[in-house]
Amino acid sequence: MSDENVQAFRRSGQTGKTRSVSQPSSAEQARHAADAKRQKLPRGSSDTFEVRKPHKK
């Protein structure tokens, strides 16, 4: 897997839906974006983050 065109996604703990939280970029940039968002989550939030390639439509 190349490190290009990787996105950070936020998965809602309540609904299980995922939302992109970064533009497609390098894996390192996507990881930084996910870490920044994770730190802003309210305490006790069940949301999770994943860094992966977007699924092809």
N, C-alpha and C. Protein backbone atom coordinates (compact mmCIF):
# COMPACT_ATOMS: atom_id res chain seq x y z
N MET A 1 0.85 -1.19 0.00
CA MET A 1 0.00 0.00 0.00
C MET A 1 0.89 1.24 0.00
N SER A 2 0.64 2.13 -0.92
CA SER A 2 1.43 3.36 -0.96
C SER A 2 0.93 4.32 0.12
N ASP A 3 1.76 5.28 0.45
CA ASP A 3 1.40 6.25 1.49
C ASP A 3 0.67 7.45 0.93
N GLU A 4 0.34 7.41 -0.35
CA GLU A 4 -0.36 8.54 -0.94
C GLU A 4 -1.87 8.29 -0.96
N ASN A 5 -2.62 9.37 -1.04
CA ASN A 5 -4.08 9.27 -1.16
C ASN A 5 -4.71 8.51 0.00
N VAL A 6 -4.26 8.83 1.19
CA VAL A 6 -4.79 8.23 2.41
C VAL A 6 -5.60 9.29 3.13
N GLN A 7 -6.72 8.89 3.75
CA GLN A 7 -7.59 9.85 4.42
C GLN A 7 -7.85 9.42 5.86
N ALA A 8 -8.08 10.40 6.71
CA ALA A 8 -8.50 10.12 8.09
C ALA A 8 -10.03 10.14 8.13
N PHE A 9 -10.60 9.17 8.82
CA PHE A 9 -12.05 9.09 8.94
C PHE A 9 -12.42 9.03 10.41
N ARG A 10 -13.57 9.62 10.75
CA ARG A 10 -14.12 9.55 12.10
C ARG A 10 -15.34 8.65 12.05
N ARG A 11 -15.35 7.64 12.91
CA ARG A 11 -16.49 6.73 12.99
C ARG A 11 -17.28 7.04 14.24
N SER A 12 -18.56 7.34 14.05
CA SER A 12 -19.42 7.67 15.19
C SER A 12 -19.67 6.43 16.04
N GLY A 13 -19.48 6.59 17.35
CA GLY A 13 -19.74 5.47 18.26
C GLY A 13 -21.22 5.14 18.34
N GLN A 14 -22.08 6.13 18.11
CA GLN A 14 -23.52 5.90 18.20
C GLN A 14 -24.08 5.27 16.94
N THR A 15 -23.76 5.84 15.78
CA THR A 15 -24.40 5.39 14.55
C THR A 15 -23.54 4.46 13.72
N GLY A 16 -22.22 4.44 13.97
CA GLY A 16 -21.34 3.60 13.18
C GLY A 16 -21.00 4.20 11.82
N LYS A 17 -21.51 5.41 11.55
CA LYS A 17 -21.22 6.05 10.26
C LYS A 17 -19.81 6.64 10.27
N THR A 18 -19.15 6.60 9.12
CA THR A 18 -17.82 7.22 9.04
C THR A 18 -17.90 8.50 8.22
N ARG A 19 -17.10 9.46 8.63
CA ARG A 19 -17.02 10.75 7.95
C ARG A 19 -15.57 11.08 7.74
N SER A 20 -15.25 11.57 6.57
CA SER A 20 -13.88 11.99 6.29
C SER A 20 -13.57 13.23 7.11
N VAL A 21 -12.39 13.27 7.72
CA VAL A 21 -11.99 14.46 8.48
C VAL A 21 -10.74 15.11 7.89
N SER A 22 -10.28 14.60 6.75
CA SER A 22 -9.12 15.22 6.11
C SER A 22 -9.21 15.02 4.61
N GLN A 23 -8.48 15.83 3.88
CA GLN A 23 -8.39 15.64 2.43
C GLN A 23 -7.49 14.43 2.18
N PRO A 24 -7.69 13.76 1.04
CA PRO A 24 -6.75 12.68 0.70
C PRO A 24 -5.33 13.25 0.64
N SER A 25 -4.40 12.64 1.35
CA SER A 25 -3.04 13.16 1.41
C SER A 25 -2.12 12.00 1.78
N SER A 26 -0.94 12.33 2.26
CA SER A 26 -0.02 11.27 2.66
C SER A 26 -0.52 10.65 3.98
N ALA A 27 -0.08 9.44 4.24
CA ALA A 27 -0.50 8.74 5.45
C ALA A 27 -0.10 9.52 6.70
N GLU A 28 1.07 10.14 6.67
CA GLU A 28 1.53 10.89 7.83
C GLU A 28 0.63 12.09 8.10
N GLN A 29 0.27 12.82 7.06
CA GLN A 29 -0.62 13.98 7.23
C GLN A 29 -1.99 13.53 7.74
N ALA A 30 -2.51 12.42 7.21
CA ALA A 30 -3.82 11.92 7.63
C ALA A 30 -3.77 11.51 9.10
N ARG A 31 -2.67 10.89 9.51
CA ARG A 31 -2.53 10.49 10.92
C ARG A 31 -2.52 11.72 11.83
N HIS A 32 -1.81 12.77 11.41
CA HIS A 32 -1.77 14.00 12.20
C HIS A 32 -3.17 14.60 12.32
N ALA A 33 -3.92 14.58 11.22
CA ALA A 33 -5.29 15.12 11.24
C ALA A 33 -6.15 14.33 12.22
N ALA A 34 -6.03 13.00 12.19
CA ALA A 34 -6.83 12.15 13.08
C ALA A 34 -6.44 12.42 14.53
N ASP A 35 -5.14 12.56 14.81
CA ASP A 35 -4.70 12.82 16.18
C ASP A 35 -5.24 14.15 16.68
N ALA A 36 -5.20 15.17 15.82
CA ALA A 36 -5.69 16.50 16.22
C ALA A 36 -7.19 16.44 16.55
N LYS A 37 -7.96 15.74 15.72
CA LYS A 37 -9.41 15.63 15.96
C LYS A 37 -9.67 14.82 17.23
N ARG A 38 -8.89 13.76 17.44
CA ARG A 38 -9.09 12.89 18.59
C ARG A 38 -8.93 13.69 19.89
N GLN A 39 -7.98 14.63 19.90
CA GLN A 39 -7.75 15.41 21.11
C GLN A 39 -8.88 16.38 21.39
N LYS A 40 -9.67 16.70 20.39
CA LYS A 40 -10.78 17.64 20.59
C LYS A 40 -12.09 16.93 20.98
N LEU A 41 -12.07 15.61 20.99
CA LEU A 41 -13.29 14.88 21.34
C LEU A 41 -13.67 15.15 22.79
N PRO A 42 -14.97 15.24 23.07
CA PRO A 42 -15.38 15.36 24.48
C PRO A 42 -15.01 14.08 25.25
N ARG A 43 -14.70 14.23 26.51
CA ARG A 43 -14.35 13.07 27.34
C ARG A 43 -15.50 12.06 27.32
N GLY A 44 -15.16 10.79 27.18
CA GLY A 44 -16.19 9.76 27.19
C GLY A 44 -16.84 9.53 25.83
N SER A 45 -16.39 10.24 24.80
CA SER A 45 -16.96 10.02 23.47
C SER A 45 -16.57 8.63 22.97
N SER A 46 -17.50 7.99 22.29
CA SER A 46 -17.22 6.64 21.78
C SER A 46 -16.79 6.68 20.32
N ASP A 47 -16.57 7.88 19.77
CA ASP A 47 -16.12 7.97 18.39
C ASP A 47 -14.68 7.46 18.26
N THR A 48 -14.38 6.86 17.13
CA THR A 48 -13.03 6.37 16.87
C THR A 48 -12.55 6.95 15.54
N PHE A 49 -11.25 6.88 15.33
CA PHE A 49 -10.67 7.39 14.09
C PHE A 49 -9.92 6.28 13.39
N GLU A 50 -9.94 6.31 12.09
CA GLU A 50 -9.14 5.37 11.32
C GLU A 50 -8.51 6.12 10.16
N VAL A 51 -7.34 5.66 9.78
CA VAL A 51 -6.61 6.25 8.66
C VAL A 51 -6.50 5.17 7.60
N ARG A 52 -7.07 5.42 6.44
CA ARG A 52 -7.09 4.41 5.38
C ARG A 52 -7.32 5.09 4.03
N LYS A 53 -7.23 4.27 3.01
CA LYS A 53 -7.56 4.78 1.68
C LYS A 53 -9.09 4.87 1.56
N PRO A 54 -9.60 5.90 0.89
CA PRO A 54 -11.05 5.96 0.69
C PRO A 54 -11.51 4.77 -0.15
N HIS A 55 -12.68 4.25 0.16
CA HIS A 55 -13.24 3.17 -0.66
C HIS A 55 -13.60 3.71 -2.02
N LYS A 56 -13.33 2.92 -3.03
CA LYS A 56 -13.71 3.36 -4.39
C LYS A 56 -15.21 3.33 -4.52
N LYS A 57 -15.74 4.35 -5.15
CA LYS A 57 -17.20 4.42 -5.34
C LYS A 57 -17.60 3.54 -6.50
